[in-house]
Amino acid sequence: MNLTSEERETIIRFDEAGPLAVVYTYNVAWKNKLAKMASERPDEVCFKEEDGWGGVTYELPKKWLKIGSPRAISDAQRQAMVEHAAKYLTPRTPASAEA
């Protein structure tokens, strides 16, 4: 049985008393990031368990959790970024054009 997108959730849980947060997720990008953090810093990030459906649970310092908004840029900044990219980046050719 496959889980729906609504059933594949991410839950971040912590309390005010303790220093740790628990992250339970099905998100592939988060799972990969947490696994990398656990392998690089095993004394701070701990893999707890994997459920039978593909979700994983990790424990990490809650001070590592951040909430932020995307950077706001003006139209002039956006245009400058486009011009910089056009000047310094080479366009990619589609794979079918290379054959």
Protein backbone atom coordinates (compact mmCIF):
# COMPACT_ATOMS: atom_id res chain seq x y z
CA MET A 1 0.00 0.00 0.00
CA ASN A 2 1.37 3.41 -1.01
CA LEU A 3 0.88 6.51 1.08
CA THR A 4 -0.70 9.62 -0.44
CA SER A 5 1.13 12.94 -0.56
CA GLU A 6 -0.99 14.12 2.37
CA GLU A 7 0.05 11.08 4.41
CA ARG A 8 3.77 11.59 3.70
CA GLU A 9 4.35 14.34 6.23
CA THR A 10 7.17 16.05 8.04
CA ILE A 11 6.84 16.67 11.77
CA ILE A 12 9.29 18.72 13.83
CA ARG A 13 8.80 18.35 17.57
CA PHE A 14 10.57 19.94 20.53
CA ASP A 15 9.75 21.38 23.93
CA GLU A 16 11.05 24.45 25.72
CA ALA A 17 12.89 22.44 28.39
CA GLY A 18 15.19 20.22 26.35
CA PRO A 19 17.97 21.06 23.89
CA LEU A 20 16.92 18.55 21.21
CA ALA A 21 14.37 18.48 18.41
CA VAL A 22 12.92 15.37 16.78
CA VAL A 23 12.36 15.43 13.01
CA TYR A 24 10.14 12.79 11.42
CA THR A 25 9.93 13.01 7.63
CA TYR A 26 9.18 11.26 4.36
CA ASN A 27 10.69 14.08 2.29
CA VAL A 28 13.59 12.68 0.25
CA ALA A 29 15.63 15.90 0.31
CA TRP A 30 15.26 16.22 4.09
CA LYS A 31 16.08 12.53 4.59
CA ASN A 32 19.27 12.92 2.55
CA LYS A 33 20.25 16.11 4.37
CA LEU A 34 19.62 14.58 7.80
CA ALA A 35 21.54 11.42 6.88
CA LYS A 36 24.50 13.53 5.74
CA MET A 37 24.39 15.57 8.94
CA ALA A 38 24.28 12.38 11.00
CA SER A 39 27.28 10.90 9.19
CA GLU A 40 29.31 14.11 9.45
CA ARG A 41 28.39 14.90 13.08
CA PRO A 42 27.27 11.68 14.76
CA ASP A 43 27.81 13.12 18.23
CA GLU A 44 25.14 15.79 17.57
CA VAL A 45 22.68 14.23 15.09
CA CYS A 46 21.23 10.84 15.88
CA PHE A 47 19.26 8.54 13.57
CA LYS A 48 16.46 7.09 15.69
CA GLU A 49 14.34 4.85 13.46
CA GLU A 50 12.79 4.16 10.09
CA ASP A 51 9.15 3.24 9.97
CA GLY A 52 7.99 0.53 7.59
CA TRP A 53 6.58 3.08 5.11
CA GLY A 54 9.67 5.13 4.29
CA GLY A 55 9.60 7.73 7.05
CA VAL A 56 12.66 8.36 9.19
CA THR A 57 13.22 9.95 12.58
CA TYR A 58 16.29 11.94 13.59
CA GLU A 59 17.20 13.83 16.72
CA LEU A 60 19.29 17.00 16.49
CA PRO A 61 19.95 20.21 18.44
CA LYS A 62 16.89 22.44 18.24
CA LYS A 63 19.09 25.52 17.90
CA TRP A 64 19.97 24.23 14.41
CA LEU A 65 16.38 24.73 13.26
CA LYS A 66 15.79 27.95 11.38
CA ILE A 67 12.72 29.64 9.95
CA GLY A 68 13.36 32.29 7.32
CA SER A 69 11.73 33.98 4.39
CA PRO A 70 13.16 34.09 0.88
CA ARG A 71 15.34 37.03 -0.02
CA ALA A 72 13.34 39.92 -1.48
CA ILE A 73 14.97 41.47 -4.54
CA SER A 74 13.93 44.50 -6.55
CA ASP A 75 13.26 44.48 -10.29
CA ALA A 76 16.58 46.29 -10.81
CA GLN A 77 18.47 43.63 -8.83
CA ARG A 78 16.71 40.88 -10.76
CA GLN A 79 17.62 42.51 -14.08
CA ALA A 80 21.26 42.87 -12.97
CA MET A 81 21.32 39.17 -12.07
CA VAL A 82 19.92 38.24 -15.49
CA GLU A 83 22.52 40.37 -17.25
CA HIS A 84 25.34 38.90 -15.12
CA ALA A 85 24.17 35.36 -15.88
CA ALA A 86 23.93 36.10 -19.61
CA LYS A 87 27.46 37.49 -19.60
CA TYR A 88 29.23 34.83 -17.53
CA LEU A 89 27.25 31.61 -17.94
CA THR A 90 27.29 29.52 -21.06
CA PRO A 91 23.96 28.12 -22.20
CA ARG A 92 23.46 24.38 -21.98
CA THR A 93 22.84 22.45 -25.15
CA PRO A 94 20.12 19.80 -25.08
CA ALA A 95 21.36 16.22 -25.06
CA SER A 96 19.56 15.50 -28.35
CA ALA A 97 21.51 18.32 -30.09
CA GLU A 98 24.85 16.77 -29.10
CA ALA A 99 24.14 13.44 -30.81
